[in-house]
Amino acid sequence: MEYATRIREKLTAGLAPDRLEVVDDSARHAGHAGADAAGETHFHVTVVSAAFTGKSRVERQRMVYGLLADELRERVHALGLTTHAPGEAGA
């Protein structure tokens, strides 16, 4: 299964997001540390979820990292995050 699909499935199951965007940015990082010609090493994820309500930015990131621990250990080298609770600016 592709890593983008795994990321979507795990974040959907763990956070029940109102909005979820998973963008594979690997091609933009060719030649950088951790890059692989096969791709799926660098992602940017935007998540809007009620699970983030009342949580700090660091707490939100830890929640996402916890859900994606296997992917980060196996192949994903870089994970950019935008996390919001519903109703927040940018959500």
C-alpha atoms as a PDB file:
ATOM      1  CA  MET A   1       0.000   0.000   0.000  1.00  0.00           C
ATOM      2  CA  GLU A   2       1.270   3.473  -0.825  1.00  0.00           C
ATOM      3  CA  TYR A   3       2.409   5.604   2.083  1.00  0.00           C
ATOM      4  CA  ALA A   4       0.053   8.450   1.143  1.00  0.00           C
ATOM      5  CA  THR A   5      -2.845   6.007   1.412  1.00  0.00           C
ATOM      6  CA  ARG A   6      -1.582   4.673   4.740  1.00  0.00           C
ATOM      7  CA  ILE A   7      -1.266   8.228   6.070  1.00  0.00           C
ATOM      8  CA  ARG A   8      -4.830   9.094   4.979  1.00  0.00           C
ATOM      9  CA  GLU A   9      -6.284   5.927   6.484  1.00  0.00           C
ATOM     10  CA  LYS A  10      -4.524   6.262   9.834  1.00  0.00           C
ATOM     11  CA  LEU A  11      -5.318   9.949  10.265  1.00  0.00           C
ATOM     12  CA  THR A  12      -8.937   9.388   9.247  1.00  0.00           C
ATOM     13  CA  ALA A  13      -9.316   6.540  11.738  1.00  0.00           C
ATOM     14  CA  GLY A  14      -7.471   8.328  14.544  1.00  0.00           C
ATOM     15  CA  LEU A  15      -8.691  11.905  14.179  1.00  0.00           C
ATOM     16  CA  ALA A  16     -12.009  11.776  12.258  1.00  0.00           C
ATOM     17  CA  PRO A  17     -10.972  14.955  10.408  1.00  0.00           C
ATOM     18  CA  ASP A  18     -13.327  17.501   8.902  1.00  0.00           C
ATOM     19  CA  ARG A  19     -10.623  18.130   6.317  1.00  0.00           C
ATOM     20  CA  LEU A  20      -7.546  16.114   5.392  1.00  0.00           C
ATOM     21  CA  GLU A  21      -5.011  16.860   2.672  1.00  0.00           C
ATOM     22  CA  VAL A  22      -1.963  14.672   2.079  1.00  0.00           C
ATOM     23  CA  VAL A  23       0.521  16.041  -0.451  1.00  0.00           C
ATOM     24  CA  ASP A  24       3.574  14.063  -1.571  1.00  0.00           C
ATOM     25  CA  ASP A  25       6.333  16.699  -1.878  1.00  0.00           C
ATOM     26  CA  SER A  26       9.090  14.159  -2.534  1.00  0.00           C
ATOM     27  CA  ALA A  27       9.853  15.367  -6.059  1.00  0.00           C
ATOM     28  CA  ARG A  28      10.650  18.836  -4.706  1.00  0.00           C
ATOM     29  CA  HIS A  29      13.324  17.322  -2.447  1.00  0.00           C
ATOM     30  CA  ALA A  30      15.274  15.265  -4.990  1.00  0.00           C
ATOM     31  CA  GLY A  31      18.917  15.207  -3.977  1.00  0.00           C
ATOM     32  CA  HIS A  32      18.197  16.225  -0.380  1.00  0.00           C
ATOM     33  CA  ALA A  33      18.905  14.049   2.640  1.00  0.00           C
ATOM     34  CA  GLY A  34      16.376  11.267   2.998  1.00  0.00           C
ATOM     35  CA  ALA A  35      15.106  11.600  -0.561  1.00  0.00           C
ATOM     36  CA  ASP A  36      14.560   8.464  -2.605  1.00  0.00           C
ATOM     37  CA  ALA A  37      13.977   8.340  -6.359  1.00  0.00           C
ATOM     38  CA  ALA A  38      10.960   6.102  -5.695  1.00  0.00           C
ATOM     39  CA  GLY A  39       9.264   9.004  -3.854  1.00  0.00           C
ATOM     40  CA  GLU A  40       6.994   8.951  -0.816  1.00  0.00           C
ATOM     41  CA  THR A  41       9.636  10.312   1.537  1.00  0.00           C
ATOM     42  CA  HIS A  42       8.474  13.925   2.024  1.00  0.00           C
ATOM     43  CA  PHE A  43       4.867  14.866   2.767  1.00  0.00           C
ATOM     44  CA  HIS A  44       2.856  17.856   3.851  1.00  0.00           C
ATOM     45  CA  VAL A  45      -0.361  17.090   5.718  1.00  0.00           C
ATOM     46  CA  THR A  46      -3.173  19.499   6.563  1.00  0.00           C
ATOM     47  CA  VAL A  47      -5.650  18.262   9.169  1.00  0.00           C
ATOM     48  CA  VAL A  48      -8.720  19.989  10.583  1.00  0.00           C
ATOM     49  CA  SER A  49     -10.139  17.936  13.431  1.00  0.00           C
ATOM     50  CA  ALA A  50     -12.227  18.458  16.557  1.00  0.00           C
ATOM     51  CA  ALA A  51      -9.683  16.203  18.283  1.00  0.00           C
ATOM     52  CA  PHE A  52      -7.321  19.215  18.250  1.00  0.00           C
ATOM     53  CA  THR A  53      -9.680  21.487  20.184  1.00  0.00           C
ATOM     54  CA  GLY A  54      -7.933  22.856  23.270  1.00  0.00           C
ATOM     55  CA  LYS A  55      -4.591  21.308  22.278  1.00  0.00           C
ATOM     56  CA  SER A  56      -1.352  23.205  21.693  1.00  0.00           C
ATOM     57  CA  ARG A  57       0.504  23.019  18.389  1.00  0.00           C
ATOM     58  CA  VAL A  58       3.027  20.622  19.935  1.00  0.00           C
ATOM     59  CA  GLU A  59       0.288  18.373  21.365  1.00  0.00           C
ATOM     60  CA  ARG A  60      -1.378  18.238  17.957  1.00  0.00           C
ATOM     61  CA  GLN A  61       1.898  17.320  16.257  1.00  0.00           C
ATOM     62  CA  ARG A  62       2.540  14.593  18.811  1.00  0.00           C
ATOM     63  CA  MET A  63      -0.910  13.151  18.125  1.00  0.00           C
ATOM     64  CA  VAL A  64      -0.170  12.968  14.397  1.00  0.00           C
ATOM     65  CA  TYR A  65       3.358  11.609  14.908  1.00  0.00           C
ATOM     66  CA  GLY A  66       1.976   8.932  17.217  1.00  0.00           C
ATOM     67  CA  LEU A  67      -0.536   7.803  14.603  1.00  0.00           C
ATOM     68  CA  LEU A  68       2.135   7.732  11.892  1.00  0.00           C
ATOM     69  CA  ALA A  69       5.003   6.244  13.919  1.00  0.00           C
ATOM     70  CA  ASP A  70       5.400   3.226  11.613  1.00  0.00           C
ATOM     71  CA  GLU A  71       5.511   5.346   8.457  1.00  0.00           C
ATOM     72  CA  LEU A  72       8.059   7.731   9.974  1.00  0.00           C
ATOM     73  CA  ARG A  73      10.225   4.827  11.071  1.00  0.00           C
ATOM     74  CA  GLU A  74       9.993   2.966   7.746  1.00  0.00           C
ATOM     75  CA  ARG A  75      10.171   5.472   4.899  1.00  0.00           C
ATOM     76  CA  VAL A  76       8.809   8.957   5.528  1.00  0.00           C
ATOM     77  CA  HIS A  77      11.773  11.266   6.083  1.00  0.00           C
ATOM     78  CA  ALA A  78       9.979  14.610   6.404  1.00  0.00           C
ATOM     79  CA  LEU A  79       6.448  15.446   7.482  1.00  0.00           C
ATOM     80  CA  GLY A  80       5.220  19.026   7.363  1.00  0.00           C
ATOM     81  CA  LEU A  81       2.058  19.619   9.361  1.00  0.00           C
ATOM     82  CA  THR A  82      -0.720  22.168   9.414  1.00  0.00           C
ATOM     83  CA  THR A  83      -3.151  21.321  12.219  1.00  0.00           C
ATOM     84  CA  HIS A  84      -6.310  23.192  13.149  1.00  0.00           C
ATOM     85  CA  ALA A  85      -9.450  22.667  15.181  1.00  0.00           C
ATOM     86  CA  PRO A  86     -12.705  23.541  13.389  1.00  0.00           C
ATOM     87  CA  GLY A  87     -13.356  27.274  13.376  1.00  0.00           C
ATOM     88  CA  GLU A  88      -9.720  28.301  13.787  1.00  0.00           C
ATOM     89  CA  ALA A  89      -8.088  30.672  11.306  1.00  0.00           C
ATOM     90  CA  GLY A  90      -6.930  28.663   8.310  1.00  0.00           C
ATOM     91  CA  ALA A  91      -9.301  25.783   9.065  1.00  0.00           C
END
